Amino acid sequence: QVQLVESGGGLVQAGGSLRLSCAASRRTFSGYAMGWFRQAPGKEREFVASISWSGSNTYYADSVKGRFTISGDNAKNTVYLQMNSLKPEDTGVYHCAAGLRGPSTIASLYTYWGQGTQVTVSS
């Protein structure tokens, strides 16, 4: 069993930055791809970014390209999401996910999910 714990969310003004972290409990995390998804109130969960275990492959939703950066530190079993130039439409609960079938933009291909961290961007 793998537990994922997100942190780093909060309230920020438009144009500001936040860095989210996702720490995995399992020491042996080799081979797992990681993804970030978000869900705004009244909307479906949507893909944000994903990264392969090696870090050599990354994918981003069109809405965040050029503003968000996903990275990982395998020694710390942690993945990060650096979010710059935040917009009100980036508001939502951000979840990290881990799976062996990735990196993917499809939520159902991820096995483990964190509880999420709230990001609120004010205009």
PDB file of N, CA and C in Angstrom:
ATOM      1  N   GLN A   1       0.832  -1.186   0.000  1.00  0.00           N
ATOM      2  CA  GLN A   1       0.000   0.000   0.000  1.00  0.00           C
ATOM      3  C   GLN A   1       0.878   1.252   0.000  1.00  0.00           C
ATOM      4  N   VAL A   2       0.477   2.228  -0.763  1.00  0.00           N
ATOM      5  CA  VAL A   2       1.215   3.484  -0.865  1.00  0.00           C
ATOM      6  C   VAL A   2       0.319   4.610  -0.381  1.00  0.00           C
ATOM      7  N   GLN A   3       0.850   5.438   0.477  1.00  0.00           N
ATOM      8  CA  GLN A   3       0.116   6.627   0.907  1.00  0.00           C
ATOM      9  C   GLN A   3       0.779   7.863   0.320  1.00  0.00           C
ATOM     10  N   LEU A   4      -0.035   8.748  -0.195  1.00  0.00           N
ATOM     11  CA  LEU A   4       0.449   9.991  -0.779  1.00  0.00           C
ATOM     12  C   LEU A   4      -0.119  11.147   0.023  1.00  0.00           C
ATOM     13  N   VAL A   5       0.741  12.066   0.386  1.00  0.00           N
ATOM     14  CA  VAL A   5       0.313  13.218   1.182  1.00  0.00           C
ATOM     15  C   VAL A   5       0.742  14.492   0.474  1.00  0.00           C
ATOM     16  N   GLU A   6      -0.245  15.308   0.110  1.00  0.00           N
ATOM     17  CA  GLU A   6       0.036  16.570  -0.549  1.00  0.00           C
ATOM     18  C   GLU A   6       0.157  17.693   0.478  1.00  0.00           C
ATOM     19  N   SER A   7       0.921  18.700   0.104  1.00  0.00           N
ATOM     20  CA  SER A   7       1.050  19.903   0.931  1.00  0.00           C
ATOM     21  C   SER A   7       1.418  21.071   0.037  1.00  0.00           C
ATOM     22  N   GLY A   8       1.318  22.259   0.592  1.00  0.00           N
ATOM     23  CA  GLY A   8       1.737  23.448  -0.140  1.00  0.00           C
ATOM     24  C   GLY A   8       0.620  24.297  -0.701  1.00  0.00           C
ATOM     25  N   GLY A   9      -0.609  23.837  -0.558  1.00  0.00           N
ATOM     26  CA  GLY A   9      -1.716  24.631  -1.066  1.00  0.00           C
ATOM     27  C   GLY A   9      -1.956  25.860  -0.206  1.00  0.00           C
ATOM     28  N   GLY A  10      -2.845  26.722  -0.674  1.00  0.00           N
ATOM     29  CA  GLY A  10      -3.164  27.923   0.091  1.00  0.00           C
ATOM     30  C   GLY A  10      -3.887  28.931  -0.753  1.00  0.00           C
ATOM     31  N   LEU A  11      -3.985  30.136  -0.204  1.00  0.00           N
ATOM     32  CA  LEU A  11      -4.651  31.249  -0.877  1.00  0.00           C
ATOM     33  C   LEU A  11      -3.585  32.183  -1.445  1.00  0.00           C
ATOM     34  N   VAL A  12      -3.720  32.521  -2.721  1.00  0.00           N
ATOM     35  CA  VAL A  12      -2.741  33.386  -3.369  1.00  0.00           C
ATOM     36  C   VAL A  12      -3.468  34.304  -4.344  1.00  0.00           C
ATOM     37  N   GLN A  13      -2.912  35.469  -4.564  1.00  0.00           N
ATOM     38  CA  GLN A  13      -3.503  36.384  -5.529  1.00  0.00           C
ATOM     39  C   GLN A  13      -3.121  35.981  -6.944  1.00  0.00           C
ATOM     40  N   ALA A  14      -3.946  36.379  -7.873  1.00  0.00           N
ATOM     41  CA  ALA A  14      -3.654  36.110  -9.273  1.00  0.00           C
ATOM     42  C   ALA A  14      -2.274  36.664  -9.634  1.00  0.00           C
ATOM     43  N   GLY A  15      -1.530  35.871 -10.386  1.00  0.00           N
ATOM     44  CA  GLY A  15      -0.170  36.246 -10.741  1.00  0.00           C
ATOM     45  C   GLY A  15       0.874  35.696  -9.789  1.00  0.00           C
ATOM     46  N   GLY A  16       0.436  35.172  -8.661  1.00  0.00           N
ATOM     47  CA  GLY A  16       1.342  34.638  -7.670  1.00  0.00           C
ATOM     48  C   GLY A  16       1.783  33.210  -7.969  1.00  0.00           C
ATOM     49  N   SER A  17       2.531  32.645  -7.024  1.00  0.00           N
ATOM     50  CA  SER A  17       3.094  31.296  -7.202  1.00  0.00           C
ATOM     51  C   SER A  17       2.871  30.452  -5.961  1.00  0.00           C
ATOM     52  N   LEU A  18       2.800  29.155  -6.192  1.00  0.00           N
ATOM     53  CA  LEU A  18       2.769  28.164  -5.119  1.00  0.00           C
ATOM     54  C   LEU A  18       3.559  26.953  -5.582  1.00  0.00           C
ATOM     55  N   ARG A  19       4.105  26.235  -4.614  1.00  0.00           N
ATOM     56  CA  ARG A  19       4.737  24.952  -4.943  1.00  0.00           C
ATOM     57  C   ARG A  19       4.077  23.871  -4.108  1.00  0.00           C
ATOM     58  N   LEU A  20       3.485  22.926  -4.809  1.00  0.00           N
ATOM     59  CA  LEU A  20       2.862  21.788  -4.153  1.00  0.00           C
ATOM     60  C   LEU A  20       3.863  20.647  -4.036  1.00  0.00           C
ATOM     61  N   SER A  21       3.747  19.887  -2.958  1.00  0.00           N
ATOM     62  CA  SER A  21       4.580  18.708  -2.759  1.00  0.00           C
ATOM     63  C   SER A  21       3.693  17.498  -2.544  1.00  0.00           C
ATOM     64  N   CYS A  22       4.182  16.368  -2.953  1.00  0.00           N
ATOM     65  CA  CYS A  22       3.474  15.102  -2.751  1.00  0.00           C
ATOM     66  C   CYS A  22       4.494  14.094  -2.268  1.00  0.00           C
ATOM     67  N   ALA A  23       4.372  13.693  -1.011  1.00  0.00           N
ATOM     68  CA  ALA A  23       5.305  12.743  -0.425  1.00  0.00           C
ATOM     69  C   ALA A  23       4.677  11.363  -0.378  1.00  0.00           C
ATOM     70  N   ALA A  24       5.441  10.376  -0.824  1.00  0.00           N
ATOM     71  CA  ALA A  24       4.971   8.996  -0.821  1.00  0.00           C
ATOM     72  C   ALA A  24       5.539   8.258   0.371  1.00  0.00           C
ATOM     73  N   SER A  25       4.707   7.409   0.965  1.00  0.00           N
ATOM     74  CA  SER A  25       5.135   6.708   2.172  1.00  0.00           C
ATOM     75  C   SER A  25       6.033   5.523   1.877  1.00  0.00           C
ATOM     76  N   ARG A  26       5.898   5.000   0.716  1.00  0.00           N
ATOM     77  CA  ARG A  26       6.600   3.760   0.419  1.00  0.00           C
ATOM     78  C   ARG A  26       8.027   4.031  -0.010  1.00  0.00           C
ATOM     79  N   ARG A  27       8.958   3.345   0.597  1.00  0.00           N
ATOM     80  CA  ARG A  27      10.359   3.567   0.267  1.00  0.00           C
ATOM     81  C   ARG A  27      10.672   3.142  -1.166  1.00  0.00           C
ATOM     82  N   THR A  28      10.181   1.964  -1.507  1.00  0.00           N
ATOM     83  CA  THR A  28      10.470   1.457  -2.837  1.00  0.00           C
ATOM     84  C   THR A  28       9.390   1.948  -3.786  1.00  0.00           C
ATOM     85  N   PHE A  29       9.691   2.975  -4.489  1.00  0.00           N
ATOM     86  CA  PHE A  29       8.723   3.594  -5.380  1.00  0.00           C
ATOM     87  C   PHE A  29       9.175   3.503  -6.830  1.00  0.00           C
ATOM     88  N   SER A  30      10.099   2.620  -7.026  1.00  0.00           N
ATOM     89  CA  SER A  30      10.707   2.519  -8.334  1.00  0.00           C
ATOM     90  C   SER A  30       9.687   2.168  -9.407  1.00  0.00           C
ATOM     91  N   GLY A  31       9.754   2.896 -10.486  1.00  0.00           N
ATOM     92  CA  GLY A  31       8.910   2.600 -11.625  1.00  0.00           C
ATOM     93  C   GLY A  31       7.577   3.309 -11.656  1.00  0.00           C
ATOM     94  N   TYR A  32       7.210   3.962 -10.584  1.00  0.00           N
ATOM     95  CA  TYR A  32       5.908   4.624 -10.542  1.00  0.00           C
ATOM     96  C   TYR A  32       5.970   5.983 -11.244  1.00  0.00           C
ATOM     97  N   ALA A  33       5.022   6.202 -12.123  1.00  0.00           N
ATOM     98  CA  ALA A  33       4.818   7.529 -12.683  1.00  0.00           C
ATOM     99  C   ALA A  33       3.914   8.311 -11.736  1.00  0.00           C
ATOM    100  N   MET A  34       4.064   9.612 -11.753  1.00  0.00           N
ATOM    101  CA  MET A  34       3.285  10.471 -10.863  1.00  0.00           C
ATOM    102  C   MET A  34       2.511  11.497 -11.672  1.00  0.00           C
ATOM    103  N   GLY A  35       1.341  11.814 -11.160  1.00  0.00           N
ATOM    104  CA  GLY A  35       0.525  12.811 -11.843  1.00  0.00           C
ATOM    105  C   GLY A  35      -0.131  13.757 -10.855  1.00  0.00           C
ATOM    106  N   TRP A  36      -0.484  14.921 -11.358  1.00  0.00           N
ATOM    107  CA  TRP A  36      -1.275  15.887 -10.600  1.00  0.00           C
ATOM    108  C   TRP A  36      -2.585  16.105 -11.342  1.00  0.00           C
ATOM    109  N   PHE A  37      -3.662  16.077 -10.588  1.00  0.00           N
ATOM    110  CA  PHE A  37      -4.993  16.358 -11.110  1.00  0.00           C
ATOM    111  C   PHE A  37      -5.641  17.397 -10.200  1.00  0.00           C
ATOM    112  N   ARG A  38      -6.627  18.089 -10.719  1.00  0.00           N
ATOM    113  CA  ARG A  38      -7.328  19.062  -9.893  1.00  0.00           C
ATOM    114  C   ARG A  38      -8.823  18.985 -10.148  1.00  0.00           C
ATOM    115  N   GLN A  39      -9.568  19.429  -9.136  1.00  0.00           N
ATOM    116  CA  GLN A  39     -11.026  19.439  -9.263  1.00  0.00           C
ATOM    117  C   GLN A  39     -11.567  20.715  -8.656  1.00  0.00           C
ATOM    118  N   ALA A  40     -12.252  21.478  -9.475  1.00  0.00           N
ATOM    119  CA  ALA A  40     -12.896  22.701  -9.020  1.00  0.00           C
ATOM    120  C   ALA A  40     -14.329  22.386  -8.617  1.00  0.00           C
ATOM    121  N   PRO A  41     -14.916  23.201  -7.754  1.00  0.00           N
ATOM    122  CA  PRO A  41     -16.298  22.956  -7.327  1.00  0.00           C
ATOM    123  C   PRO A  41     -17.243  22.869  -8.515  1.00  0.00           C
ATOM    124  N   GLY A  42     -18.027  21.803  -8.547  1.00  0.00           N
ATOM    125  CA  GLY A  42     -19.007  21.640  -9.603  1.00  0.00           C
ATOM    126  C   GLY A  42     -18.448  21.179 -10.928  1.00  0.00           C
ATOM    127  N   LYS A  43     -17.160  20.887 -10.953  1.00  0.00           N
ATOM    128  CA  LYS A  43     -16.538  20.444 -12.192  1.00  0.00           C
ATOM    129  C   LYS A  43     -15.915  19.075 -12.017  1.00  0.00           C
ATOM    130  N   GLU A  44     -15.652  18.433 -13.130  1.00  0.00           N
ATOM    131  CA  GLU A  44     -15.018  17.126 -13.084  1.00  0.00           C
ATOM    132  C   GLU A  44     -13.509  17.281 -12.828  1.00  0.00           C
ATOM    133  N   ARG A  45     -12.938  16.227 -12.315  1.00  0.00           N
ATOM    134  CA  ARG A  45     -11.495  16.205 -12.106  1.00  0.00           C
ATOM    135  C   ARG A  45     -10.786  16.289 -13.454  1.00  0.00           C
ATOM    136  N   GLU A  46      -9.723  17.080 -13.512  1.00  0.00           N
ATOM    137  CA  GLU A  46      -9.006  17.228 -14.763  1.00  0.00           C
ATOM    138  C   GLU A  46      -7.509  17.040 -14.560  1.00  0.00           C
ATOM    139  N   PHE A  47      -6.889  16.572 -15.607  1.00  0.00           N
ATOM    140  CA  PHE A  47      -5.444  16.342 -15.618  1.00  0.00           C
ATOM    141  C   PHE A  47      -4.704  17.668 -15.607  1.00  0.00           C
ATOM    142  N   VAL A  48      -3.599  17.713 -14.848  1.00  0.00           N
ATOM    143  CA  VAL A  48      -2.760  18.913 -14.814  1.00  0.00           C
ATOM    144  C   VAL A  48      -1.376  18.616 -15.378  1.00  0.00           C
ATOM    145  N   ALA A  49      -0.696  17.620 -14.802  1.00  0.00           N
ATOM    146  CA  ALA A  49       0.671  17.326 -15.236  1.00  0.00           C
ATOM    147  C   ALA A  49       1.042  15.925 -14.786  1.00  0.00           C
ATOM    148  N   SER A  50       2.019  15.325 -15.470  1.00  0.00           N
ATOM    149  CA  SER A  50       2.502  14.017 -15.075  1.00  0.00           C
ATOM    150  C   SER A  50       3.974  13.893 -15.417  1.00  0.00           C
ATOM    151  N   ILE A  51       4.630  12.939 -14.738  1.00  0.00           N
ATOM    152  CA  ILE A  51       6.067  12.745 -14.925  1.00  0.00           C
ATOM    153  C   ILE A  51       6.394  11.270 -14.793  1.00  0.00           C
ATOM    154  N   SER A  52       7.309  10.814 -15.603  1.00  0.00           N
ATOM    155  CA  SER A  52       7.749   9.436 -15.521  1.00  0.00           C
ATOM    156  C   SER A  52       8.675   9.245 -14.334  1.00  0.00           C
ATOM    157  N   TRP A  53       8.905   7.995 -13.964  1.00  0.00           N
ATOM    158  CA  TRP A  53       9.784   7.706 -12.829  1.00  0.00           C
ATOM    159  C   TRP A  53      11.169   8.312 -13.037  1.00  0.00           C
ATOM    160  N   SER A  54      11.678   8.196 -14.246  1.00  0.00           N
ATOM    161  CA  SER A  54      13.016   8.696 -14.521  1.00  0.00           C
ATOM    162  C   SER A  54      13.065  10.212 -14.597  1.00  0.00           C
ATOM    163  N   GLY A  55      11.909  10.818 -14.780  1.00  0.00           N
ATOM    164  CA  GLY A  55      11.862  12.262 -14.930  1.00  0.00           C
ATOM    165  C   GLY A  55      12.101  12.734 -16.341  1.00  0.00           C
ATOM    166  N   SER A  56      12.343  11.806 -17.246  1.00  0.00           N
ATOM    167  CA  SER A  56      12.692  12.193 -18.605  1.00  0.00           C
ATOM    168  C   SER A  56      11.478  12.567 -19.447  1.00  0.00           C
ATOM    169  N   ASN A  57      10.309  12.153 -19.003  1.00  0.00           N
ATOM    170  CA  ASN A  57       9.080  12.471 -19.735  1.00  0.00           C
ATOM    171  C   ASN A  57       8.105  13.214 -18.840  1.00  0.00           C
ATOM    172  N   THR A  58       7.651  14.332 -19.331  1.00  0.00           N
ATOM    173  CA  THR A  58       6.650  15.115 -18.619  1.00  0.00           C
ATOM    174  C   THR A  58       5.543  15.521 -19.583  1.00  0.00           C
ATOM    175  N   TYR A  59       4.345  15.662 -19.050  1.00  0.00           N
ATOM    176  CA  TYR A  59       3.193  16.058 -19.843  1.00  0.00           C
ATOM    177  C   TYR A  59       2.400  17.102 -19.070  1.00  0.00           C
ATOM    178  N   TYR A  60       1.803  18.007 -19.810  1.00  0.00           N
ATOM    179  CA  TYR A  60       1.048  19.090 -19.182  1.00  0.00           C
ATOM    180  C   TYR A  60      -0.262  19.312 -19.913  1.00  0.00           C
ATOM    181  N   ALA A  61      -1.263  19.717 -19.164  1.00  0.00           N
ATOM    182  CA  ALA A  61      -2.495  20.173 -19.793  1.00  0.00           C
ATOM    183  C   ALA A  61      -2.203  21.484 -20.513  1.00  0.00           C
ATOM    184  N   ASP A  62      -2.888  21.711 -21.603  1.00  0.00           N
ATOM    185  CA  ASP A  62      -2.657  22.940 -22.374  1.00  0.00           C
ATOM    186  C   ASP A  62      -2.867  24.180 -21.522  1.00  0.00           C
ATOM    187  N   SER A  63      -3.784  24.094 -20.592  1.00  0.00           N
ATOM    188  CA  SER A  63      -4.136  25.266 -19.781  1.00  0.00           C
ATOM    189  C   SER A  63      -3.029  25.692 -18.814  1.00  0.00           C
ATOM    190  N   VAL A  64      -2.054  24.796 -18.573  1.00  0.00           N
ATOM    191  CA  VAL A  64      -0.991  25.135 -17.608  1.00  0.00           C
ATOM    192  C   VAL A  64       0.393  25.170 -18.238  1.00  0.00           C
ATOM    193  N   LYS A  65       0.500  24.817 -19.502  1.00  0.00           N
ATOM    194  CA  LYS A  65       1.807  24.806 -20.165  1.00  0.00           C
ATOM    195  C   LYS A  65       2.456  26.179 -20.097  1.00  0.00           C
ATOM    196  N   GLY A  66       3.727  26.171 -19.753  1.00  0.00           N
ATOM    197  CA  GLY A  66       4.460  27.425 -19.646  1.00  0.00           C
ATOM    198  C   GLY A  66       4.336  28.099 -18.296  1.00  0.00           C
ATOM    199  N   ARG A  67       3.407  27.627 -17.481  1.00  0.00           N
ATOM    200  CA  ARG A  67       3.219  28.217 -16.145  1.00  0.00           C
ATOM    201  C   ARG A  67       3.545  27.238 -15.018  1.00  0.00           C
ATOM    202  N   PHE A  68       3.245  25.959 -15.232  1.00  0.00           N
ATOM    203  CA  PHE A  68       3.460  24.934 -14.213  1.00  0.00           C
ATOM    204  C   PHE A  68       4.637  24.050 -14.616  1.00  0.00           C
ATOM    205  N   THR A  69       5.356  23.554 -13.593  1.00  0.00           N
ATOM    206  CA  THR A  69       6.449  22.627 -13.828  1.00  0.00           C
ATOM    207  C   THR A  69       6.368  21.482 -12.830  1.00  0.00           C
ATOM    208  N   ILE A  70       6.367  20.266 -13.338  1.00  0.00           N
ATOM    209  CA  ILE A  70       6.369  19.086 -12.483  1.00  0.00           C
ATOM    210  C   ILE A  70       7.782  18.540 -12.405  1.00  0.00           C
ATOM    211  N   SER A  71       8.176  18.110 -11.212  1.00  0.00           N
ATOM    212  CA  SER A  71       9.514  17.544 -11.024  1.00  0.00           C
ATOM    213  C   SER A  71       9.452  16.529  -9.903  1.00  0.00           C
ATOM    214  N   GLY A  72      10.488  15.729  -9.800  1.00  0.00           N
ATOM    215  CA  GLY A  72      10.501  14.708  -8.778  1.00  0.00           C
ATOM    216  C   GLY A  72      11.860  14.555  -8.139  1.00  0.00           C
ATOM    217  N   ASP A  73      11.852  14.092  -6.911  1.00  0.00           N
ATOM    218  CA  ASP A  73      13.074  13.764  -6.181  1.00  0.00           C
ATOM    219  C   ASP A  73      12.910  12.338  -5.678  1.00  0.00           C
ATOM    220  N   ASN A  74      13.460  11.393  -6.423  1.00  0.00           N
ATOM    221  CA  ASN A  74      13.259   9.982  -6.081  1.00  0.00           C
ATOM    222  C   ASN A  74      13.894   9.623  -4.748  1.00  0.00           C
ATOM    223  N   ALA A  75      14.951  10.285  -4.390  1.00  0.00           N
ATOM    224  CA  ALA A  75      15.604  10.000  -3.112  1.00  0.00           C
ATOM    225  C   ALA A  75      14.698  10.351  -1.938  1.00  0.00           C
ATOM    226  N   LYS A  76      13.812  11.314  -2.158  1.00  0.00           N
ATOM    227  CA  LYS A  76      12.883  11.734  -1.107  1.00  0.00           C
ATOM    228  C   LYS A  76      11.478  11.197  -1.335  1.00  0.00           C
ATOM    229  N   ASN A  77      11.311  10.417  -2.404  1.00  0.00           N
ATOM    230  CA  ASN A  77       9.975   9.908  -2.742  1.00  0.00           C
ATOM    231  C   ASN A  77       8.957  11.047  -2.812  1.00  0.00           C
ATOM    232  N   THR A  78       9.349  12.117  -3.426  1.00  0.00           N
ATOM    233  CA  THR A  78       8.504  13.309  -3.461  1.00  0.00           C
ATOM    234  C   THR A  78       8.428  13.862  -4.880  1.00  0.00           C
ATOM    235  N   VAL A  79       7.251  14.302  -5.243  1.00  0.00           N
ATOM    236  CA  VAL A  79       7.054  14.982  -6.520  1.00  0.00           C
ATOM    237  C   VAL A  79       6.521  16.376  -6.224  1.00  0.00           C
ATOM    238  N   TYR A  80       6.905  17.308  -7.076  1.00  0.00           N
ATOM    239  CA  TYR A  80       6.550  18.710  -6.867  1.00  0.00           C
ATOM    240  C   TYR A  80       5.769  19.253  -8.061  1.00  0.00           C
ATOM    241  N   LEU A  81       4.983  20.264  -7.789  1.00  0.00           N
ATOM    242  CA  LEU A  81       4.318  21.008  -8.854  1.00  0.00           C
ATOM    243  C   LEU A  81       4.525  22.490  -8.569  1.00  0.00           C
ATOM    244  N   GLN A  82       5.419  23.094  -9.331  1.00  0.00           N
ATOM    245  CA  GLN A  82       5.657  24.525  -9.218  1.00  0.00           C
ATOM    246  C   GLN A  82       4.641  25.244 -10.091  1.00  0.00           C
ATOM    247  N   MET A  83       3.878  26.129  -9.472  1.00  0.00           N
ATOM    248  CA  MET A  83       2.810  26.823 -10.186  1.00  0.00           C
ATOM    249  C   MET A  83       3.081  28.321 -10.165  1.00  0.00           C
ATOM    250  N   ASN A  84       3.300  28.879 -11.327  1.00  0.00           N
ATOM    251  CA  ASN A  84       3.568  30.300 -11.474  1.00  0.00           C
ATOM    252  C   ASN A  84       2.450  30.970 -12.261  1.00  0.00           C
ATOM    253  N   SER A  85       2.402  32.291 -12.172  1.00  0.00           N
ATOM    254  CA  SER A  85       1.398  33.073 -12.910  1.00  0.00           C
ATOM    255  C   SER A  85       0.005  32.503 -12.712  1.00  0.00           C
ATOM    256  N   LEU A  86      -0.332  32.249 -11.481  1.00  0.00           N
ATOM    257  CA  LEU A  86      -1.610  31.603 -11.176  1.00  0.00           C
ATOM    258  C   LEU A  86      -2.789  32.475 -11.571  1.00  0.00           C
ATOM    259  N   LYS A  87      -3.854  31.820 -11.992  1.00  0.00           N
ATOM    260  CA  LYS A  87      -5.079  32.471 -12.423  1.00  0.00           C
ATOM    261  C   LYS A  87      -6.243  31.986 -11.566  1.00  0.00           C
ATOM    262  N   PRO A  88      -7.294  32.755 -11.446  1.00  0.00           N
ATOM    263  CA  PRO A  88      -8.460  32.299 -10.672  1.00  0.00           C
ATOM    264  C   PRO A  88      -8.989  30.945 -11.142  1.00  0.00           C
ATOM    265  N   GLU A  89      -8.892  30.671 -12.427  1.00  0.00           N
ATOM    266  CA  GLU A  89      -9.385  29.390 -12.937  1.00  0.00           C
ATOM    267  C   GLU A  89      -8.510  28.211 -12.539  1.00  0.00           C
ATOM    268  N   ASP A  90      -7.372  28.479 -11.886  1.00  0.00           N
ATOM    269  CA  ASP A  90      -6.548  27.395 -11.355  1.00  0.00           C
ATOM    270  C   ASP A  90      -7.043  26.928  -9.990  1.00  0.00           C
ATOM    271  N   THR A  91      -8.021  27.593  -9.445  1.00  0.00           N
ATOM    272  CA  THR A  91      -8.571  27.237  -8.142  1.00  0.00           C
ATOM    273  C   THR A  91      -9.157  25.837  -8.156  1.00  0.00           C
ATOM    274  N   GLY A  92      -8.876  25.081  -7.079  1.00  0.00           N
ATOM    275  CA  GLY A  92      -9.418  23.747  -6.963  1.00  0.00           C
ATOM    276  C   GLY A  92      -8.643  22.939  -5.940  1.00  0.00           C
ATOM    277  N   VAL A  93      -9.076  21.707  -5.760  1.00  0.00           N
ATOM    278  CA  VAL A  93      -8.339  20.772  -4.916  1.00  0.00           C
ATOM    279  C   VAL A  93      -7.385  19.991  -5.815  1.00  0.00           C
ATOM    280  N   TYR A  94      -6.121  20.022  -5.462  1.00  0.00           N
ATOM    281  CA  TYR A  94      -5.095  19.370  -6.255  1.00  0.00           C
ATOM    282  C   TYR A  94      -4.725  18.035  -5.606  1.00  0.00           C
ATOM    283  N   HIS A  95      -4.803  16.991  -6.406  1.00  0.00           N
ATOM    284  CA  HIS A  95      -4.484  15.646  -5.946  1.00  0.00           C
ATOM    285  C   HIS A  95      -3.275  15.125  -6.695  1.00  0.00           C
ATOM    286  N   CYS A  96      -2.394  14.441  -5.987  1.00  0.00           N
ATOM    287  CA  CYS A  96      -1.346  13.720  -6.691  1.00  0.00           C
ATOM    288  C   CYS A  96      -1.740  12.247  -6.772  1.00  0.00           C
ATOM    289  N   ALA A  97      -1.168  11.577  -7.741  1.00  0.00           N
ATOM    290  CA  ALA A  97      -1.503  10.185  -7.983  1.00  0.00           C
ATOM    291  C   ALA A  97      -0.268   9.434  -8.447  1.00  0.00           C
ATOM    292  N   ALA A  98      -0.254   8.125  -8.188  1.00  0.00           N
ATOM    293  CA  ALA A  98       0.872   7.288  -8.579  1.00  0.00           C
ATOM    294  C   ALA A  98       0.365   6.037  -9.271  1.00  0.00           C
ATOM    295  N   GLY A  99       1.078   5.626 -10.280  1.00  0.00           N
ATOM    296  CA  GLY A  99       0.691   4.424 -10.994  1.00  0.00           C
ATOM    297  C   GLY A  99       1.831   3.875 -11.815  1.00  0.00           C
ATOM    298  N   LEU A 100       1.741   2.598 -12.127  1.00  0.00           N
ATOM    299  CA  LEU A 100       2.789   1.955 -12.902  1.00  0.00           C
ATOM    300  C   LEU A 100       2.566   2.119 -14.395  1.00  0.00           C
ATOM    301  N   ARG A 101       1.336   2.464 -14.778  1.00  0.00           N
ATOM    302  CA  ARG A 101       1.014   2.613 -16.193  1.00  0.00           C
ATOM    303  C   ARG A 101       1.048   4.088 -16.554  1.00  0.00           C
ATOM    304  N   GLY A 102       2.200   4.626 -16.624  1.00  0.00           N
ATOM    305  CA  GLY A 102       2.266   6.047 -16.935  1.00  0.00           C
ATOM    306  C   GLY A 102       3.594   6.446 -17.492  1.00  0.00           C
ATOM    307  N   PRO A 103       3.824   7.771 -17.577  1.00  0.00           N
ATOM    308  CA  PRO A 103       2.909   8.822 -17.124  1.00  0.00           C
ATOM    309  C   PRO A 103       1.724   8.969 -18.074  1.00  0.00           C
ATOM    310  N   SER A 104       0.590   9.306 -17.503  1.00  0.00           N
ATOM    311  CA  SER A 104      -0.624   9.359 -18.298  1.00  0.00           C
ATOM    312  C   SER A 104      -1.450  10.581 -17.936  1.00  0.00           C
ATOM    313  N   THR A 105      -2.305  10.953 -18.859  1.00  0.00           N
ATOM    314  CA  THR A 105      -3.260  12.027 -18.612  1.00  0.00           C
ATOM    315  C   THR A 105      -4.590  11.476 -18.113  1.00  0.00           C
ATOM    316  N   ILE A 106      -4.692  10.158 -18.043  1.00  0.00           N
ATOM    317  CA  ILE A 106      -5.952   9.491 -17.709  1.00  0.00           C
ATOM    318  C   ILE A 106      -5.958   9.080 -16.247  1.00  0.00           C
ATOM    319  N   ALA A 107      -6.905   9.594 -15.490  1.00  0.00           N
ATOM    320  CA  ALA A 107      -6.953   9.361 -14.049  1.00  0.00           C
ATOM    321  C   ALA A 107      -7.114   7.883 -13.695  1.00  0.00           C
ATOM    322  N   SER A 108      -7.869   7.154 -14.477  1.00  0.00           N
ATOM    323  CA  SER A 108      -8.153   5.754 -14.144  1.00  0.00           C
ATOM    324  C   SER A 108      -6.922   4.871 -14.237  1.00  0.00           C
ATOM    325  N   LEU A 109      -5.854   5.347 -14.835  1.00  0.00           N
ATOM    326  CA  LEU A 109      -4.626   4.559 -14.951  1.00  0.00           C
ATOM    327  C   LEU A 109      -3.724   4.711 -13.726  1.00  0.00           C
ATOM    328  N   TYR A 110      -4.126   5.541 -12.786  1.00  0.00           N
ATOM    329  CA  TYR A 110      -3.357   5.711 -11.567  1.00  0.00           C
ATOM    330  C   TYR A 110      -3.982   4.889 -10.442  1.00  0.00           C
ATOM    331  N   THR A 111      -3.136   4.269  -9.652  1.00  0.00           N
ATOM    332  CA  THR A 111      -3.597   3.351  -8.617  1.00  0.00           C
ATOM    333  C   THR A 111      -3.783   4.030  -7.272  1.00  0.00           C
ATOM    334  N   TYR A 112      -2.865   4.894  -6.919  1.00  0.00           N
ATOM    335  CA  TYR A 112      -2.870   5.505  -5.591  1.00  0.00           C
ATOM    336  C   TYR A 112      -3.114   7.004  -5.699  1.00  0.00           C
ATOM    337  N   TRP A 113      -3.889   7.517  -4.735  1.00  0.00           N
ATOM    338  CA  TRP A 113      -4.267   8.928  -4.743  1.00  0.00           C
ATOM    339  C   TRP A 113      -4.101   9.540  -3.358  1.00  0.00           C
ATOM    340  N   GLY A 114      -3.708  10.802  -3.350  1.00  0.00           N
ATOM    341  CA  GLY A 114      -3.665  11.540  -2.099  1.00  0.00           C
ATOM    342  C   GLY A 114      -5.006  12.191  -1.813  1.00  0.00           C
ATOM    343  N   GLN A 115      -5.127  12.757  -0.620  1.00  0.00           N
ATOM    344  CA  GLN A 115      -6.379  13.384  -0.199  1.00  0.00           C
ATOM    345  C   GLN A 115      -6.584  14.757  -0.827  1.00  0.00           C
ATOM    346  N   GLY A 116      -5.520  15.362  -1.260  1.00  0.00           N
ATOM    347  CA  GLY A 116      -5.637  16.652  -1.945  1.00  0.00           C
ATOM    348  C   GLY A 116      -5.265  17.831  -1.067  1.00  0.00           C
ATOM    349  N   THR A 117      -4.906  18.914  -1.733  1.00  0.00           N
ATOM    350  CA  THR A 117      -4.609  20.167  -1.063  1.00  0.00           C
ATOM    351  C   THR A 117      -5.323  21.289  -1.814  1.00  0.00           C
ATOM    352  N   GLN A 118      -5.929  22.197  -1.060  1.00  0.00           N
ATOM    353  CA  GLN A 118      -6.730  23.249  -1.671  1.00  0.00           C
ATOM    354  C   GLN A 118      -5.854  24.391  -2.168  1.00  0.00           C
ATOM    355  N   VAL A 119      -6.101  24.794  -3.393  1.00  0.00           N
ATOM    356  CA  VAL A 119      -5.454  25.972  -3.973  1.00  0.00           C
ATOM    357  C   VAL A 119      -6.554  26.967  -4.335  1.00  0.00           C
ATOM    358  N   THR A 120      -6.453  28.160  -3.809  1.00  0.00           N
ATOM    359  CA  THR A 120      -7.420  29.202  -4.110  1.00  0.00           C
ATOM    360  C   THR A 120      -6.698  30.428  -4.643  1.00  0.00           C
ATOM    361  N   VAL A 121      -7.079  30.858  -5.841  1.00  0.00           N
ATOM    362  CA  VAL A 121      -6.452  32.015  -6.475  1.00  0.00           C
ATOM    363  C   VAL A 121      -7.494  33.123  -6.552  1.00  0.00           C
ATOM    364  N   SER A 122      -7.208  34.218  -5.886  1.00  0.00           N
ATOM    365  CA  SER A 122      -8.155  35.337  -5.876  1.00  0.00           C
ATOM    366  C   SER A 122      -7.822  36.323  -6.993  1.00  0.00           C
ATOM    367  N   SER A 123      -8.851  36.961  -7.501  1.00  0.00           N
ATOM    368  CA  SER A 123      -8.653  37.911  -8.612  1.00  0.00           C
ATOM    369  C   SER A 123      -8.377  39.312  -8.112  1.00  0.00           C
TER     370      SER A 123
END
